[in-house]
Every structure is written in structure tokens, then in C-alpha cells.
């Protein structure tokens, strides 16, 4: 099977259509198709962009007709939590509406669907998206491929590796083991910054923890693995990470993920590891990797506009 793995679309329908055309997909029988390739979407289909519903209609049409696979990103996960009542606080949702950052991040999607029956229908479709895919030749996850997290979740998942209603509640309870596992898969691994350090992320939130480059295959220092603004990185001591903070080296077939809003020229991060999110939601390029069976990934197989 040949796959085209697409990065985070974030409601940029027109970018997606242009990239599909460039890759040889055509709209036939109510869905975009390729004669001998299957599309794979790494999640984060919504928020930020100008055409939320049109994007979902396109991707869902491809998935429903077998022309594509799609997994859950943190934005789909957040959308489910926004629309789900908290059983312990019936007047609240699992993702609190009163927090300005939550609403601001979700504004573009809500502007198109809030108060409409379509909103509930979309949320139900999001619940059918698996947390990860192992397609044999390649693997796909939104933020971090973690065998440990997958192993603890797998016995409790619904059909096709989906979150059950019970898991959706637990995954929004900070400190619960389900929360930690889903957080890692959908948002990546976080480590606390050295005492006294913080930074403001692109959504205006103050952070005292930083996501790390889990794909680094050698033990690294905090400074080298942290995903943080350059001024913050300069303040972080260039000291080795403790052994209990290090991530096991990845040893499977090629794995693809999104989430990290990279801005460099698209290229593999390691011989069998690739991020396909190059900030399409923030003015960057929508990127796809065209995989044809190669065991090690090649920079020449990245396609973007």
C-alpha cells in the first residue's frame, strides 16, 4: 500500500484541495481519491483556519469511502471535551468554557458550528477517530509514539482503538493515568523547566513546562530537547536530562506525526521518524509525505506548496 501522510490542516480547506490536486487526487464519486494511493491525516483538522466545516466534509468523505485514514489530534480531543458535560459538575463541560484560552483556541470552529445540530454530529464523528494507527509499513500518531502509553490504554479502548465515553471523562482528569497516557499521545511529552523559568506560548499561556523532542535518539541535555522560544532555551542550563526523564529510543517502522508547528524545510527528523506539521494553521505550508514502501524516509518525498 502507498500512503500520502498529511500534516495538520487546521481548517485550511483550500490549501488541502491544492495539495491533493498536486499529488494527483481528483474528486470522483463524492470524495477525493487517488487511483493507487491512500491519504492519511495525522489529526488537528479543525481550529484556526477559515473553512472548518468544508475541511471536515472533505476529509470525512475520504475516510467514509475508504480513500483515507484519519486519527485524533489534540484539537479534536479538545472539541470532544468542550462539548461533553462533566458528570461531576453537570453545569460545566469537561473543557471549561469560562477559560479564555480554551475559547480563543476553539473560536474558529465554534463560529461555524455552535448551536447547530451539525456540531453534535461532528463530535460523534470525532469519537470514531483512533488515537493511533499501525498500518504495517508505517505508523501514525498525532504527537508522540509511546509504546508504554499505548500498552496501558489498549485493553480499555473502544472499537478501532477509539476513546470510550468513560475514557473521555478520565482523560480530562489531571493526575489520572488515562490523562497522562492520552496527553502524551496527543500533545507530546512535557518536562518541568529549571526552577524559576517560564515562557509564554503562541496562545498567550504562561508555561513552566516544555514539550521535548521525544524523537531525539541520543541522551540529550534539557536545552537540546526542549521545544521552547530561543530566549528561554538560552536560559536553560545545558545539563543532561535525568535518566528517568529520557525517552526510549524508537525502534519500529517509519512513524509519522504532526502537532509541533515546525518552520524549517521539511525533512526527516531521523531515518524512520518524520513530522508533517509545518504550521499550515499559522501561515505556513501544508505538507504531505509520499510514502512508497521505503524503510528509511527521504527528504525528497516531502511535498508542499
Protein backbone atom coordinates (compact mmCIF):
# COMPACT_ATOMS: atom_id res chain seq x y z
CA UNK A 1 0.00 0.00 0.00
CA UNK A 2 1.22 3.51 -0.86
CA UNK A 3 0.35 6.31 1.55
CA UNK A 4 0.35 10.11 1.47
CA UNK A 5 0.58 11.38 5.06
CA UNK A 6 -0.86 14.88 5.51
CA UNK A 7 0.06 17.32 8.26
CA UNK A 8 -2.29 19.34 10.48
CA UNK A 9 -4.84 21.06 8.22
CA UNK A 10 -6.47 23.32 10.84
CA UNK A 11 -9.44 24.30 8.71
CA UNK A 12 -7.42 25.36 5.66
CA UNK A 13 -9.65 23.69 3.10
CA UNK A 14 -8.21 25.50 0.09
CA UNK A 15 -4.63 24.53 0.98
CA UNK A 16 -5.76 20.94 1.30
CA UNK A 17 -7.53 20.93 -2.07
CA UNK A 18 -4.48 22.45 -3.75
CA UNK A 19 -2.15 19.86 -2.21
CA UNK A 20 -4.48 16.99 -3.10
CA UNK A 21 -4.52 18.17 -6.71
CA UNK A 22 -0.73 18.45 -6.73
CA UNK A 23 -0.50 14.84 -5.52
CA UNK A 24 -2.84 13.58 -8.23
CA UNK A 25 -6.08 13.22 -6.25
CA UNK A 26 -9.34 14.02 -8.02
CA UNK A 27 -12.89 14.43 -6.77
CA UNK A 28 -14.91 11.47 -8.03
CA UNK A 29 -17.99 9.72 -6.61
CA UNK A 30 -18.37 12.34 -3.85
CA UNK A 31 -14.83 12.00 -2.49
CA UNK A 32 -11.26 12.95 -3.33
CA UNK A 33 -9.42 9.83 -4.48
CA UNK A 34 -6.16 8.64 -5.96
CA UNK A 35 -6.07 5.59 -8.27
CA UNK A 36 -3.39 3.76 -6.27
CA UNK A 37 -2.68 5.72 -3.08
CA UNK A 38 -4.41 6.24 0.27
CA UNK A 39 -4.30 9.50 2.23
CA UNK A 40 -3.58 9.55 5.97
CA UNK A 41 -4.40 12.56 8.17
CA UNK A 42 -2.49 12.98 11.44
CA UNK A 43 -5.24 14.93 13.22
CA UNK A 44 -5.88 18.61 14.02
CA UNK A 45 -8.30 19.08 11.18
CA UNK A 46 -10.02 21.96 12.98
CA UNK A 47 -9.46 25.38 14.62
CA UNK A 48 -7.56 28.43 13.31
CA UNK A 49 -8.40 28.28 9.59
CA UNK A 50 -11.22 29.92 7.58
CA UNK A 51 -13.17 26.83 6.39
CA UNK A 52 -13.79 24.42 9.24
CA UNK A 53 -16.90 22.63 8.03
CA UNK A 54 -15.69 22.36 4.43
CA UNK A 55 -12.43 20.81 5.63
CA UNK A 56 -14.26 18.25 7.73
CA UNK A 57 -16.69 17.43 4.94
CA UNK A 58 -13.79 16.77 2.57
CA UNK A 59 -11.76 14.60 4.97
CA UNK A 60 -14.77 12.74 6.31
CA UNK A 61 -15.88 11.95 2.76
CA UNK A 62 -12.47 10.46 2.05
CA UNK A 63 -12.43 8.41 5.26
CA UNK A 64 -16.00 7.17 4.88
CA UNK A 65 -15.33 5.94 1.34
CA UNK A 66 -12.01 4.27 2.12
CA UNK A 67 -9.88 6.85 0.31
CA UNK A 68 -8.21 7.98 3.55
CA UNK A 69 -7.49 7.21 7.20
CA UNK A 70 -7.57 9.82 9.95
CA UNK A 71 -6.59 9.83 13.62
CA UNK A 72 -7.46 12.08 16.54
CA UNK A 73 -5.39 15.18 17.22
CA UNK A 74 -5.41 17.25 20.37
CA UNK A 75 -7.82 19.74 18.75
CA UNK A 76 -10.39 17.02 18.05
CA UNK A 77 -9.85 15.73 21.58
CA UNK A 78 -10.37 19.23 22.98
CA UNK A 79 -13.50 19.66 20.85
CA UNK A 80 -14.99 16.50 22.35
CA UNK A 81 -14.19 17.70 25.87
CA UNK A 82 -15.69 21.15 25.12
CA UNK A 83 -18.96 19.52 24.01
CA UNK A 84 -19.15 16.90 26.81
CA UNK A 85 -20.75 17.63 30.18
CA UNK A 86 -18.67 16.91 33.27
CA UNK A 87 -20.59 14.22 35.20
CA UNK A 88 -19.20 15.56 38.49
CA UNK A 89 -20.15 19.16 37.62
CA UNK A 90 -23.27 18.98 35.42
CA UNK A 91 -23.33 22.72 34.71
CA UNK A 92 -19.78 22.57 33.31
CA UNK A 93 -18.14 20.85 30.36
CA UNK A 94 -15.03 18.72 30.66
CA UNK A 95 -13.13 21.51 28.92
CA UNK A 96 -14.26 24.62 30.77
CA UNK A 97 -15.96 27.26 28.63
CA UNK A 98 -15.15 30.07 31.04
CA UNK A 99 -11.40 29.88 30.50
CA UNK A 100 -10.46 32.50 27.87
CA UNK A 101 -7.65 30.42 26.40
CA UNK A 102 -9.94 27.44 25.79
CA UNK A 103 -12.49 29.56 23.95
CA UNK A 104 -9.89 31.52 21.98
CA UNK A 105 -8.20 28.35 20.72
CA UNK A 106 -11.57 26.91 19.64
CA UNK A 107 -13.12 30.10 18.25
CA UNK A 108 -12.88 29.38 14.51
CA UNK A 109 -14.61 26.02 14.87
CA UNK A 110 -17.33 27.32 17.20
CA UNK A 111 -18.04 30.26 14.89
CA UNK A 112 -19.19 27.77 12.23
CA UNK A 113 -20.97 25.10 14.27
CA UNK A 114 -22.01 26.35 17.72
CA UNK A 115 -25.73 25.99 18.36
CA UNK A 116 -26.33 23.85 15.28
CA UNK A 117 -27.22 20.13 15.06
CA UNK A 118 -24.09 19.76 12.91
CA UNK A 119 -21.95 20.40 15.99
CA UNK A 120 -23.15 17.25 17.77
CA UNK A 121 -22.83 15.22 14.57
CA UNK A 122 -19.20 16.29 14.12
CA UNK A 123 -18.37 15.48 17.74
CA UNK A 124 -19.78 11.98 17.27
CA UNK A 125 -17.55 11.54 14.22
CA UNK A 126 -14.51 12.73 16.16
CA UNK A 127 -15.22 9.94 18.65
CA UNK A 128 -14.74 7.39 15.86
CA UNK A 129 -11.15 8.53 15.22
CA UNK A 130 -8.46 6.22 16.66
CA UNK A 131 -5.65 7.57 18.82
CA UNK A 132 -3.04 5.98 16.56
CA UNK A 133 -2.67 3.72 13.54
CA UNK A 134 -0.26 0.90 12.82
CA UNK A 135 -0.65 0.26 9.10
CA UNK A 136 2.09 -2.33 8.88
CA UNK A 137 4.64 -0.43 6.83
CA UNK A 138 4.09 2.84 8.66
CA UNK A 139 2.76 4.10 11.99
CA UNK A 140 0.86 7.32 12.65
CA UNK A 141 0.16 9.22 15.88
CA UNK A 142 -0.61 12.86 16.49
CA UNK A 143 2.24 13.87 18.81
CA UNK A 144 4.28 11.02 20.32
CA UNK A 145 4.58 7.31 19.62
CA UNK A 146 4.79 5.82 23.11
CA UNK A 147 4.51 2.04 23.42
CA UNK A 148 4.17 2.37 27.20
CA UNK A 149 1.12 4.64 26.91
CA UNK A 150 -0.41 2.51 24.17
CA UNK A 151 0.02 -0.68 26.18
CA UNK A 152 -1.82 0.70 29.21
CA UNK A 153 -4.63 2.15 27.09
CA UNK A 154 -5.14 -0.71 24.61
CA UNK A 155 -7.23 -3.05 26.86
CA UNK A 156 -9.67 -0.23 27.64
CA UNK A 157 -10.16 1.29 24.18
CA UNK A 158 -13.31 1.03 22.10
CA UNK A 159 -13.59 -0.45 18.59
CA UNK A 160 -10.76 0.53 16.28
CA UNK A 161 -8.63 1.99 19.07
CA UNK A 162 -11.08 4.77 19.97
CA UNK A 163 -11.76 6.51 23.27
CA UNK A 164 -14.87 5.27 25.07
CA UNK A 165 -17.14 7.74 26.89
CA UNK A 166 -15.62 6.60 30.19
CA UNK A 167 -12.08 7.18 28.92
CA UNK A 168 -13.04 10.62 27.62
CA UNK A 169 -14.00 11.63 31.15
CA UNK A 170 -10.91 10.06 32.73
CA UNK A 171 -8.59 11.62 30.14
CA UNK A 172 -9.75 15.05 31.32
CA UNK A 173 -8.92 14.36 34.98
CA UNK A 174 -5.43 15.67 35.66
CA UNK A 175 -3.38 13.12 37.55
CA UNK A 176 -5.40 10.13 36.31
CA UNK A 177 -3.34 7.52 34.47
CA UNK A 178 -5.60 7.87 31.41
CA UNK A 179 -4.96 11.63 31.37
CA UNK A 180 -1.21 11.08 31.31
CA UNK A 181 -1.38 8.48 28.52
CA UNK A 182 -3.71 10.44 26.22
CA UNK A 183 -1.80 13.66 26.92
CA UNK A 184 1.43 12.02 25.75
CA UNK A 185 -0.05 10.57 22.55
CA UNK A 186 -2.00 13.70 21.53
CA UNK A 187 0.16 16.50 22.93
CA UNK A 188 3.63 15.07 23.50
CA UNK A 189 5.91 14.71 26.50
CA UNK A 190 6.38 17.62 28.88
CA UNK A 191 9.17 18.18 31.38
CA UNK A 192 9.40 20.88 34.04
CA UNK A 193 11.77 23.72 33.24
CA UNK A 194 14.53 24.52 35.73
CA UNK A 195 13.21 26.38 38.76
CA UNK A 196 12.08 29.94 38.08
CA UNK A 197 11.87 29.66 34.29
CA UNK A 198 8.69 30.12 32.26
CA UNK A 199 7.66 31.29 28.81
CA UNK A 200 4.54 32.49 27.01
CA UNK A 201 3.31 30.20 24.25
CA UNK A 202 1.69 31.25 20.96
CA UNK A 203 -1.76 31.15 22.59
CA UNK A 204 -0.70 33.57 25.34
CA UNK A 205 -0.46 30.95 28.10
CA UNK A 206 2.40 31.03 30.60
CA UNK A 207 4.24 27.72 30.70
CA UNK A 208 6.58 26.32 33.34
CA UNK A 209 6.95 23.04 31.44
CA UNK A 210 8.23 22.48 27.93
CA UNK A 211 7.45 19.85 25.32
CA UNK A 212 10.51 17.87 24.36
CA UNK A 213 11.86 16.38 21.17
CA UNK A 214 11.00 12.79 22.06
CA UNK A 215 12.41 11.66 18.73
CA UNK A 216 15.98 12.52 19.73
CA UNK A 217 17.71 9.15 19.68
CA UNK A 218 20.64 10.01 21.94
CA UNK A 219 20.56 11.17 25.58
CA UNK A 220 20.35 14.96 25.42
CA UNK A 221 20.50 17.95 27.71
CA UNK A 222 17.41 19.93 28.69
CA UNK A 223 18.46 22.73 26.36
CA UNK A 224 18.81 20.46 23.34
CA UNK A 225 15.50 18.62 23.73
CA UNK A 226 13.17 21.41 24.92
CA UNK A 227 10.70 22.91 22.47
CA UNK A 228 10.64 26.49 23.70
CA UNK A 229 11.34 30.01 22.40
CA UNK A 230 15.00 30.77 21.75
CA UNK A 231 15.32 33.29 24.63
CA UNK A 232 14.09 30.61 27.04
CA UNK A 233 16.40 27.97 25.61
CA UNK A 234 19.39 30.23 26.23
CA UNK A 235 18.47 30.37 29.92
CA UNK A 236 18.15 26.61 30.35
CA UNK A 237 21.36 25.03 31.64
CA UNK A 238 23.00 22.74 29.11
CA UNK A 239 22.94 19.82 31.55
CA UNK A 240 21.97 16.23 30.87
CA UNK A 241 18.42 15.10 31.49
CA UNK A 242 17.98 12.66 34.40
CA UNK A 243 17.66 9.02 33.34
CA UNK A 244 14.01 8.88 34.40
CA UNK A 245 13.16 11.74 32.04
CA UNK A 246 14.72 10.21 28.94
CA UNK A 247 12.55 8.66 26.27
CA UNK A 248 13.18 5.15 24.98
CA UNK A 249 14.74 5.19 21.54
CA UNK A 250 12.18 4.43 18.82
CA UNK A 251 12.80 1.12 17.05
CA UNK A 252 9.81 0.42 14.79
CA UNK A 253 8.90 1.05 11.14
CA UNK A 254 8.61 4.63 9.83
CA UNK A 255 6.43 6.74 12.15
CA UNK A 256 4.69 9.99 11.21
CA UNK A 257 3.17 12.65 13.45
CA UNK A 258 2.07 16.29 13.41
CA UNK A 259 1.45 18.76 16.24
CA UNK A 260 4.78 20.58 16.54
CA UNK A 261 4.34 23.51 14.10
CA UNK A 262 7.80 23.21 12.59
CA UNK A 263 9.06 26.04 10.39
CA UNK A 264 12.22 24.61 8.82
CA UNK A 265 12.45 22.97 5.41
CA UNK A 266 10.58 19.63 5.57
CA UNK A 267 12.92 16.69 6.14
CA UNK A 268 13.00 13.52 8.26
CA UNK A 269 13.92 14.07 11.92
CA UNK A 270 15.62 10.66 11.96
CA UNK A 271 15.88 7.86 9.37
CA UNK A 272 12.45 6.44 10.35
CA UNK A 273 10.83 9.44 12.06
CA UNK A 274 9.04 12.37 10.41
CA UNK A 275 6.87 15.28 11.48
CA UNK A 276 4.48 16.55 8.79
CA UNK A 277 3.19 19.65 10.64
CA UNK A 278 4.85 22.73 9.21
CA UNK A 279 2.49 25.38 10.61
CA UNK A 280 -0.25 25.37 7.97
CA UNK A 281 -2.58 26.72 10.66
CA UNK A 282 -0.32 29.72 11.27
CA UNK A 283 0.54 30.80 7.75
CA UNK A 284 2.98 28.02 6.91
CA UNK A 285 2.87 25.31 4.28
CA UNK A 286 0.57 22.31 4.34
CA UNK A 287 2.93 19.35 3.94
CA UNK A 288 2.49 15.71 2.96
CA UNK A 289 4.96 12.84 2.87
CA UNK A 290 4.60 10.49 -0.11
CA UNK A 291 5.50 7.01 1.20
CA UNK A 292 6.03 4.16 -1.23
CA UNK A 293 7.43 1.36 0.91
CA UNK A 294 10.88 2.73 1.74
CA UNK A 295 12.19 1.54 5.16
CA UNK A 296 14.08 4.80 5.69
CA UNK A 297 12.49 8.16 4.96
CA UNK A 298 13.78 10.63 2.37
CA UNK A 299 13.64 14.42 2.27
CA UNK A 300 12.72 14.26 -1.42
CA UNK A 301 9.39 12.56 -0.56
CA UNK A 302 8.02 15.62 1.27
CA UNK A 303 5.58 17.58 -0.92
CA UNK A 304 4.27 21.06 -0.12
CA UNK A 305 3.01 24.16 -1.85
